[in-house]
Amino acid sequence: MRVATDTAHAEHSTSRSATASVIRAIRDAAARSWLEVNPFYTIHNPYHEPNACEPSPCLNEGLCLRRKKGFRCLCKEKFGGRNCDQNA
């Protein structure tokens, strides 16, 4: 009786494994076909803070530094102003 029980358990386990494999194959095929139909779909992280330095608001080769609230420009010697747009 033990042999019959072990055999039944092995068949059930194999059946469960086969079912899981089929489900994975269907899911993977569905994902592939969805991406083929929607080739321009991209996955993005939920939210990123905007980068105030891209593109750089600093003129005259000023260096843009990101801050918690916005940016700050480090201007070359001959320039000043918020965006290095004024002659010093």
C-alpha atoms as a PDB file:
ATOM      1  CA  MET A   1       0.000   0.000   0.000  1.00  0.00           C
ATOM      2  CA  ARG A   2       2.915   2.319   0.732  1.00  0.00           C
ATOM      3  CA  VAL A   3       4.223   1.973  -2.855  1.00  0.00           C
ATOM      4  CA  ALA A   4       0.837   2.950  -4.283  1.00  0.00           C
ATOM      5  CA  THR A   5       0.662   5.994  -2.007  1.00  0.00           C
ATOM      6  CA  ASP A   6       4.192   7.088  -2.946  1.00  0.00           C
ATOM      7  CA  THR A   7       3.397   6.653  -6.636  1.00  0.00           C
ATOM      8  CA  ALA A   8       0.172   8.667  -6.325  1.00  0.00           C
ATOM      9  CA  HIS A   9       2.031  11.400  -4.433  1.00  0.00           C
ATOM     10  CA  ALA A  10       4.776  11.505  -7.085  1.00  0.00           C
ATOM     11  CA  GLU A  11       2.196  11.709  -9.889  1.00  0.00           C
ATOM     12  CA  HIS A  12       0.348  14.510  -8.079  1.00  0.00           C
ATOM     13  CA  SER A  13       3.612  16.388  -7.499  1.00  0.00           C
ATOM     14  CA  THR A  14       4.641  15.960 -11.146  1.00  0.00           C
ATOM     15  CA  SER A  15       1.192  17.101 -12.270  1.00  0.00           C
ATOM     16  CA  ARG A  16       1.425  20.216 -10.087  1.00  0.00           C
ATOM     17  CA  SER A  17       4.892  20.970 -11.448  1.00  0.00           C
ATOM     18  CA  ALA A  18       3.695  20.532 -15.033  1.00  0.00           C
ATOM     19  CA  THR A  19       0.718  22.809 -14.376  1.00  0.00           C
ATOM     20  CA  ALA A  20       3.005  25.484 -12.935  1.00  0.00           C
ATOM     21  CA  SER A  21       5.259  25.206 -16.001  1.00  0.00           C
ATOM     22  CA  VAL A  22       2.299  25.604 -18.348  1.00  0.00           C
ATOM     23  CA  ILE A  23       1.037  28.635 -16.417  1.00  0.00           C
ATOM     24  CA  ARG A  24       4.499  30.242 -16.556  1.00  0.00           C
ATOM     25  CA  ALA A  25       4.747  29.571 -20.302  1.00  0.00           C
ATOM     26  CA  ILE A  26       1.320  31.129 -20.938  1.00  0.00           C
ATOM     27  CA  ARG A  27       2.140  34.160 -18.782  1.00  0.00           C
ATOM     28  CA  ASP A  28       5.507  34.661 -20.527  1.00  0.00           C
ATOM     29  CA  ALA A  29       3.930  34.297 -23.978  1.00  0.00           C
ATOM     30  CA  ALA A  30       1.213  36.798 -23.058  1.00  0.00           C
ATOM     31  CA  ALA A  31       3.803  39.292 -21.830  1.00  0.00           C
ATOM     32  CA  ARG A  32       5.853  38.891 -25.009  1.00  0.00           C
ATOM     33  CA  SER A  33       2.832  39.306 -27.272  1.00  0.00           C
ATOM     34  CA  TRP A  34       1.668  42.355 -25.286  1.00  0.00           C
ATOM     35  CA  LEU A  35       5.082  43.968 -25.720  1.00  0.00           C
ATOM     36  CA  GLU A  36       5.062  43.129 -29.427  1.00  0.00           C
ATOM     37  CA  VAL A  37       1.697  44.886 -29.817  1.00  0.00           C
ATOM     38  CA  ASN A  38       2.856  47.838 -27.672  1.00  0.00           C
ATOM     39  CA  PRO A  39       6.471  48.359 -28.776  1.00  0.00           C
ATOM     40  CA  PHE A  40       6.691  51.907 -27.409  1.00  0.00           C
ATOM     41  CA  TYR A  41       5.633  50.992 -23.888  1.00  0.00           C
ATOM     42  CA  THR A  42       8.315  51.706 -21.318  1.00  0.00           C
ATOM     43  CA  ILE A  43       8.438  51.123 -17.613  1.00  0.00           C
ATOM     44  CA  HIS A  44       9.339  54.124 -15.496  1.00  0.00           C
ATOM     45  CA  ASN A  45      10.093  54.494 -11.843  1.00  0.00           C
ATOM     46  CA  PRO A  46       7.102  56.003 -10.085  1.00  0.00           C
ATOM     47  CA  TYR A  47       8.566  59.479  -9.582  1.00  0.00           C
ATOM     48  CA  HIS A  48      11.843  61.303  -9.884  1.00  0.00           C
ATOM     49  CA  GLU A  49      12.474  64.847  -8.784  1.00  0.00           C
ATOM     50  CA  PRO A  50      12.999  67.024 -11.839  1.00  0.00           C
ATOM     51  CA  ASN A  51      16.621  67.960 -12.425  1.00  0.00           C
ATOM     52  CA  ALA A  52      16.836  71.763 -12.466  1.00  0.00           C
ATOM     53  CA  CYS A  53      20.256  71.523 -14.142  1.00  0.00           C
ATOM     54  CA  GLU A  54      19.047  69.654 -17.219  1.00  0.00           C
ATOM     55  CA  PRO A  55      19.308  71.470 -19.460  1.00  0.00           C
ATOM     56  CA  SER A  56      21.661  73.817 -17.665  1.00  0.00           C
ATOM     57  CA  PRO A  57      20.140  77.252 -17.000  1.00  0.00           C
ATOM     58  CA  CYS A  58      23.629  78.706 -16.464  1.00  0.00           C
ATOM     59  CA  LEU A  59      24.988  80.835 -19.282  1.00  0.00           C
ATOM     60  CA  ASN A  60      28.548  81.762 -20.219  1.00  0.00           C
ATOM     61  CA  GLU A  61      29.980  78.389 -19.169  1.00  0.00           C
ATOM     62  CA  GLY A  62      28.616  78.671 -15.634  1.00  0.00           C
ATOM     63  CA  LEU A  63      28.433  75.479 -13.555  1.00  0.00           C
ATOM     64  CA  CYS A  64      24.964  74.405 -12.413  1.00  0.00           C
ATOM     65  CA  LEU A  65      24.629  72.974  -8.891  1.00  0.00           C
ATOM     66  CA  ARG A  66      21.423  71.212  -7.866  1.00  0.00           C
ATOM     67  CA  ARG A  67      19.859  72.319  -4.595  1.00  0.00           C
ATOM     68  CA  LYS A  68      16.891  71.026  -2.607  1.00  0.00           C
ATOM     69  CA  LYS A  69      14.794  73.758  -4.166  1.00  0.00           C
ATOM     70  CA  GLY A  70      16.092  74.454  -7.639  1.00  0.00           C
ATOM     71  CA  PHE A  71      19.666  75.264  -8.591  1.00  0.00           C
ATOM     72  CA  ARG A  72      22.569  77.653  -8.151  1.00  0.00           C
ATOM     73  CA  CYS A  73      24.995  78.756 -10.849  1.00  0.00           C
ATOM     74  CA  LEU A  74      28.703  79.127 -10.191  1.00  0.00           C
ATOM     75  CA  CYS A  75      29.728  81.766 -12.673  1.00  0.00           C
ATOM     76  CA  LYS A  76      33.052  82.403 -14.372  1.00  0.00           C
ATOM     77  CA  GLU A  77      35.016  85.406 -13.116  1.00  0.00           C
ATOM     78  CA  LYS A  78      33.552  87.998 -15.508  1.00  0.00           C
ATOM     79  CA  PHE A  79      29.893  87.034 -15.045  1.00  0.00           C
ATOM     80  CA  GLY A  80      27.254  87.164 -12.328  1.00  0.00           C
ATOM     81  CA  GLY A  81      23.528  87.025 -11.720  1.00  0.00           C
ATOM     82  CA  ARG A  82      21.281  84.058 -11.077  1.00  0.00           C
ATOM     83  CA  ASN A  83      22.055  82.529 -14.481  1.00  0.00           C
ATOM     84  CA  CYS A  84      25.520  84.031 -15.107  1.00  0.00           C
ATOM     85  CA  ASP A  85      23.884  86.315 -17.639  1.00  0.00           C
ATOM     86  CA  GLN A  86      25.210  89.625 -16.306  1.00  0.00           C
ATOM     87  CA  ASN A  87      28.644  91.162 -16.755  1.00  0.00           C
ATOM     88  CA  ALA A  88      30.391  91.523 -13.409  1.00  0.00           C
END
